[in-house]
N, C-alpha and C. Protein backbone atom coordinates (compact mmCIF):
# COMPACT_ATOMS: atom_id res chain seq x y z
N MET A 1 76.45 138.00 114.85
CA MET A 1 75.05 136.96 114.09
C MET A 1 75.76 135.58 114.49
N PRO A 2 74.74 134.42 114.36
CA PRO A 2 74.80 133.52 114.40
C PRO A 2 75.92 133.27 113.17
N GLN A 3 76.73 132.38 113.54
CA GLN A 3 77.30 131.26 112.54
C GLN A 3 76.60 130.31 111.81
N SER A 4 76.74 130.23 111.00
CA SER A 4 75.58 128.89 109.85
C SER A 4 76.17 127.42 109.98
N PRO A 5 74.80 127.32 110.46
CA PRO A 5 76.00 125.33 110.74
C PRO A 5 76.49 124.66 109.15
N TYR A 6 76.41 125.29 108.95
CA TYR A 6 77.78 124.21 107.18
C TYR A 6 78.68 124.88 107.34
N LEU A 7 78.94 125.65 107.91
CA LEU A 7 80.82 125.78 107.95
C LEU A 7 81.88 124.90 108.48
N GLU A 8 82.81 124.88 107.71
CA GLU A 8 83.73 123.68 108.20
C GLU A 8 83.50 123.35 109.40
N ASP A 9 83.87 121.97 109.55
CA ASP A 9 83.96 121.49 111.15
C ASP A 9 85.80 122.58 111.50
N GLN A 10 85.58 123.19 112.17
CA GLN A 10 86.77 123.51 112.98
C GLN A 10 87.50 122.77 113.99
N SER A 11 87.17 121.94 113.71
CA SER A 11 88.44 120.61 114.94
C SER A 11 89.02 119.93 114.74
N THR A 12 88.34 119.97 113.20
CA THR A 12 89.02 118.37 112.34
C THR A 12 91.16 119.09 112.04
N PRO A 13 91.56 118.57 112.23
CA PRO A 13 93.08 119.21 112.84
C PRO A 13 93.39 119.23 111.38
N ARG A 14 94.28 119.79 110.09
CA ARG A 14 94.93 119.77 109.51
C ARG A 14 96.14 119.42 109.53
N PHE A 15 96.93 118.11 108.48
CA PHE A 15 98.34 116.89 108.87
C PHE A 15 98.85 117.77 107.17
N VAL A 16 99.92 118.70 107.43
CA VAL A 16 100.50 119.42 106.61
C VAL A 16 101.75 119.11 106.69
N LEU A 17 102.47 118.66 105.25
CA LEU A 17 104.20 117.67 105.13
C LEU A 17 104.41 119.33 105.06
N PRO A 18 105.72 119.36 106.21
CA PRO A 18 106.52 120.81 106.18
C PRO A 18 107.55 120.20 104.75
N GLN A 19 108.38 122.27 104.81
CA GLN A 19 108.95 122.13 103.41
C GLN A 19 110.34 121.61 103.54
N SER A 20 110.59 121.80 105.09
CA SER A 20 112.10 121.36 104.77
C SER A 20 112.41 119.57 104.59
N PRO A 21 112.42 118.88 103.79
CA PRO A 21 113.08 117.68 103.82
C PRO A 21 113.29 116.97 104.22
N GLY A 22 113.04 115.48 104.82
CA GLY A 22 113.68 114.46 105.12
C GLY A 22 113.09 114.42 107.42
N ARG A 23 112.24 115.29 107.44
CA ARG A 23 111.65 115.37 108.69
C ARG A 23 109.99 114.74 108.52
N ARG A 24 109.05 114.56 107.86
CA ARG A 24 108.11 113.35 107.38
C ARG A 24 108.00 113.59 106.12
N THR A 25 107.97 111.97 106.13
CA THR A 25 107.22 111.43 105.18
C THR A 25 105.68 111.68 104.85
N ARG A 26 104.94 111.19 103.26
CA ARG A 26 103.38 111.16 103.32
C ARG A 26 102.92 110.36 104.00
N SER A 27 103.96 108.86 104.40
CA SER A 27 103.23 107.78 104.69
C SER A 27 103.13 108.18 106.14
N ALA A 28 103.65 108.82 107.31
CA ALA A 28 103.58 108.82 108.46
C ALA A 28 102.42 109.91 108.56
N LEU A 29 102.07 111.50 107.33
CA LEU A 29 101.37 112.09 107.73
C LEU A 29 99.89 111.14 108.06
N ARG A 30 99.94 110.31 107.13
CA ARG A 30 98.57 109.44 106.28
C ARG A 30 98.95 108.26 108.04
N GLU A 31 99.40 108.49 108.63
CA GLU A 31 99.58 107.45 109.42
C GLU A 31 99.31 107.85 111.17
N GLU A 32 99.50 109.17 110.90
CA GLU A 32 98.65 110.20 112.22
C GLU A 32 97.79 110.62 111.66
N ALA A 33 96.97 111.02 110.62
CA ALA A 33 95.65 111.58 110.58
C ALA A 33 94.98 110.26 110.77
N LEU A 34 95.48 108.99 110.55
CA LEU A 34 94.61 107.42 110.52
C LEU A 34 94.46 107.40 112.00
N ALA A 35 95.34 107.30 113.01
CA ALA A 35 95.52 107.65 114.28
C ALA A 35 94.50 108.26 114.39
N HIS A 36 94.59 109.55 114.29
CA HIS A 36 93.65 111.04 114.69
C HIS A 36 92.26 110.87 114.79
N ALA A 37 91.95 109.86 114.15
CA ALA A 37 90.16 109.35 113.29
C ALA A 37 89.19 109.89 114.33
N PRO A 38 88.39 110.28 113.41
CA PRO A 38 86.75 111.49 114.82
C PRO A 38 86.09 109.70 115.00
N GLY A 39 86.46 108.64 114.30
CA GLY A 39 85.84 107.49 114.54
C GLY A 39 85.61 106.54 114.74
N LYS A 40 85.69 104.82 114.76
CA LYS A 40 85.97 104.35 114.84
C LYS A 40 85.01 103.22 114.42
N PRO A 41 85.22 102.15 113.47
CA PRO A 41 86.43 102.28 112.70
C PRO A 41 86.77 102.41 111.71
N VAL A 42 87.95 102.47 111.25
CA VAL A 42 88.89 103.21 110.04
C VAL A 42 88.79 101.81 108.77
N LEU A 43 87.56 102.24 107.60
CA LEU A 43 87.97 101.68 106.85
C LEU A 43 89.07 102.37 105.09
N MET A 44 89.34 101.19 104.63
CA MET A 44 90.71 102.12 103.84
C MET A 44 90.20 101.13 102.50
N LEU A 45 90.17 102.63 101.90
CA LEU A 45 90.04 102.54 100.28
C LEU A 45 91.25 103.16 99.32
N ARG A 46 90.51 102.84 97.86
CA ARG A 46 91.62 102.50 96.93
C ARG A 46 92.08 103.98 96.80
N PRO A 47 92.61 104.60 96.00
CA PRO A 47 92.51 106.42 96.06
C PRO A 47 91.43 106.64 95.24
N ALA A 48 90.45 107.54 95.73
CA ALA A 48 89.77 107.46 95.08
C ALA A 48 89.35 109.62 94.81
N PRO A 49 89.31 109.42 93.40
CA PRO A 49 89.03 110.90 93.28
C PRO A 49 87.71 111.57 93.85
N VAL A 50 88.00 112.75 94.41
CA VAL A 50 86.57 113.46 95.19
C VAL A 50 87.13 115.12 94.54
N LYS A 51 85.92 115.43 95.24
CA LYS A 51 85.72 116.96 95.67
C LYS A 51 85.48 117.56 96.56
N VAL A 52 86.29 118.80 97.42
CA VAL A 52 86.15 119.27 98.71
C VAL A 52 85.46 120.23 98.66
N ARG A 53 84.51 120.95 98.55
CA ARG A 53 83.97 122.38 98.23
C ARG A 53 84.66 123.12 96.70
N ALA A 54 85.65 123.25 96.64
CA ALA A 54 86.74 123.74 95.36
C ALA A 54 87.87 123.07 94.98
N ALA A 55 87.74 121.98 96.09
CA ALA A 55 89.50 121.54 95.71
C ALA A 55 89.19 119.97 95.99
N LEU A 56 90.54 119.67 94.15
CA LEU A 56 89.78 118.63 94.20
C LEU A 56 91.45 117.38 95.04
N GLY A 57 91.07 116.39 95.01
CA GLY A 57 91.78 115.41 96.30
C GLY A 57 91.78 114.06 96.08
N SER A 58 91.99 113.20 97.00
CA SER A 58 91.84 111.63 96.81
C SER A 58 91.67 111.44 97.91
N ALA A 59 90.23 110.44 97.91
CA ALA A 59 89.86 110.13 99.18
C ALA A 59 90.48 108.55 99.32
N ILE A 60 90.81 108.64 100.74
CA ILE A 60 92.03 106.96 101.03
C ILE A 60 91.36 106.21 102.19
N ALA A 61 90.64 106.68 103.19
CA ALA A 61 89.39 105.88 103.99
C ALA A 61 89.04 106.80 104.38
N TYR A 62 87.58 106.49 104.84
CA TYR A 62 86.45 106.92 105.54
C TYR A 62 85.80 106.14 106.69
N THR A 63 84.95 106.56 108.15
CA THR A 63 84.27 106.62 108.97
C THR A 63 82.93 106.74 108.53
N VAL A 64 82.26 106.40 109.40
CA VAL A 64 80.67 106.45 109.97
C VAL A 64 80.40 108.12 109.11
N THR A 65 81.22 108.91 109.60
CA THR A 65 80.94 109.64 109.17
C THR A 65 81.97 110.71 108.91
N HIS A 66 83.14 110.67 108.92
CA HIS A 66 84.01 111.53 107.89
C HIS A 66 84.98 110.77 106.90
N ILE A 67 85.44 111.47 105.77
CA ILE A 67 86.28 110.41 104.92
C ILE A 67 87.41 111.41 104.60
N LEU A 68 88.92 110.69 105.11
CA LEU A 68 90.46 111.10 105.29
C LEU A 68 90.40 111.44 103.41
N VAL A 69 90.85 112.95 103.12
CA VAL A 69 91.04 113.52 102.13
C VAL A 69 92.76 113.99 102.30
N GLU A 70 93.67 113.14 101.23
CA GLU A 70 94.45 113.85 101.03
C GLU A 70 95.00 114.41 98.88
N GLN A 71 95.83 115.97 99.82
CA GLN A 71 95.55 117.40 98.22
C GLN A 71 96.69 117.21 97.94
N ASP A 72 96.84 116.97 97.84
CA ASP A 72 98.24 117.49 96.64
C ASP A 72 98.65 118.92 95.26
N GLY A 73 98.02 119.30 95.44
CA GLY A 73 97.13 120.27 94.42
C GLY A 73 98.83 121.22 93.94
N ASN A 74 97.94 122.65 94.02
CA ASN A 74 98.73 123.31 94.47
C ASN A 74 99.37 124.29 95.39
N GLY A 75 99.27 123.70 96.71
CA GLY A 75 100.39 123.71 97.56
C GLY A 75 100.55 122.96 98.41
N PRO A 76 100.95 122.90 99.45
CA PRO A 76 101.85 121.77 100.17
C PRO A 76 100.79 120.26 100.48
N TYR A 77 101.69 119.17 100.22
CA TYR A 77 100.65 118.07 100.39
C TYR A 77 100.22 118.22 101.87
N THR A 78 98.20 117.90 102.51
CA THR A 78 97.95 117.68 103.17
C THR A 78 96.95 116.55 103.38
N VAL A 79 97.19 116.14 104.58
CA VAL A 79 95.34 115.28 104.70
C VAL A 79 94.83 115.73 105.97
N ARG A 80 93.72 114.85 105.92
CA ARG A 80 92.60 116.09 106.08
C ARG A 80 91.40 115.23 106.18
N TRP A 81 91.09 114.87 107.54
CA TRP A 81 89.32 114.24 108.33
C TRP A 81 88.44 115.57 107.18
N GLU A 82 87.16 115.21 106.52
CA GLU A 82 86.03 115.72 105.98
C GLU A 82 84.94 115.82 106.47
N PRO A 83 84.36 116.44 106.62
CA PRO A 83 82.97 115.59 106.85
C PRO A 83 82.14 115.16 105.31
N GLY A 84 81.75 113.45 105.08
CA GLY A 84 81.59 112.57 104.33
C GLY A 84 79.82 114.26 103.51
N TRP A 85 79.24 114.76 104.24
CA TRP A 85 78.65 115.45 103.63
C TRP A 85 79.41 116.48 102.27
N LEU A 86 80.34 116.79 102.47
CA LEU A 86 81.07 117.89 101.75
C LEU A 86 82.03 117.35 101.08
N VAL A 87 82.37 116.14 100.63
CA VAL A 87 82.83 115.28 99.55
C VAL A 87 82.30 114.47 98.89
N HIS A 88 81.71 115.19 97.29
CA HIS A 88 81.61 114.24 96.35
C HIS A 88 83.10 114.09 95.61
N ARG A 89 82.42 112.85 95.01
CA ARG A 89 82.85 111.53 94.17
C ARG A 89 83.33 112.62 93.30
N LEU A 90 84.00 111.96 91.85
CA LEU A 90 84.39 112.27 90.60
C LEU A 90 83.33 111.07 90.18
């Protein structure tokens, strides 16, 4: 059965903060995610509340096609580039 074209782009890496303390900080994860941006140039934002699928987070940067979303809700801290059409500002 063919897959829907609306499924999440599986090539977008997820940057997750490890559980052991002292290994990597949030700012280090942000810098790594910014270095692996899917397009150039990257424009920084003031953190803005957004909703990606059913999860809440904060948009911190964007390119022409993707938005960098950080999530620190019910799980570990993550920073991920999401396609712009999946991100809705609250």
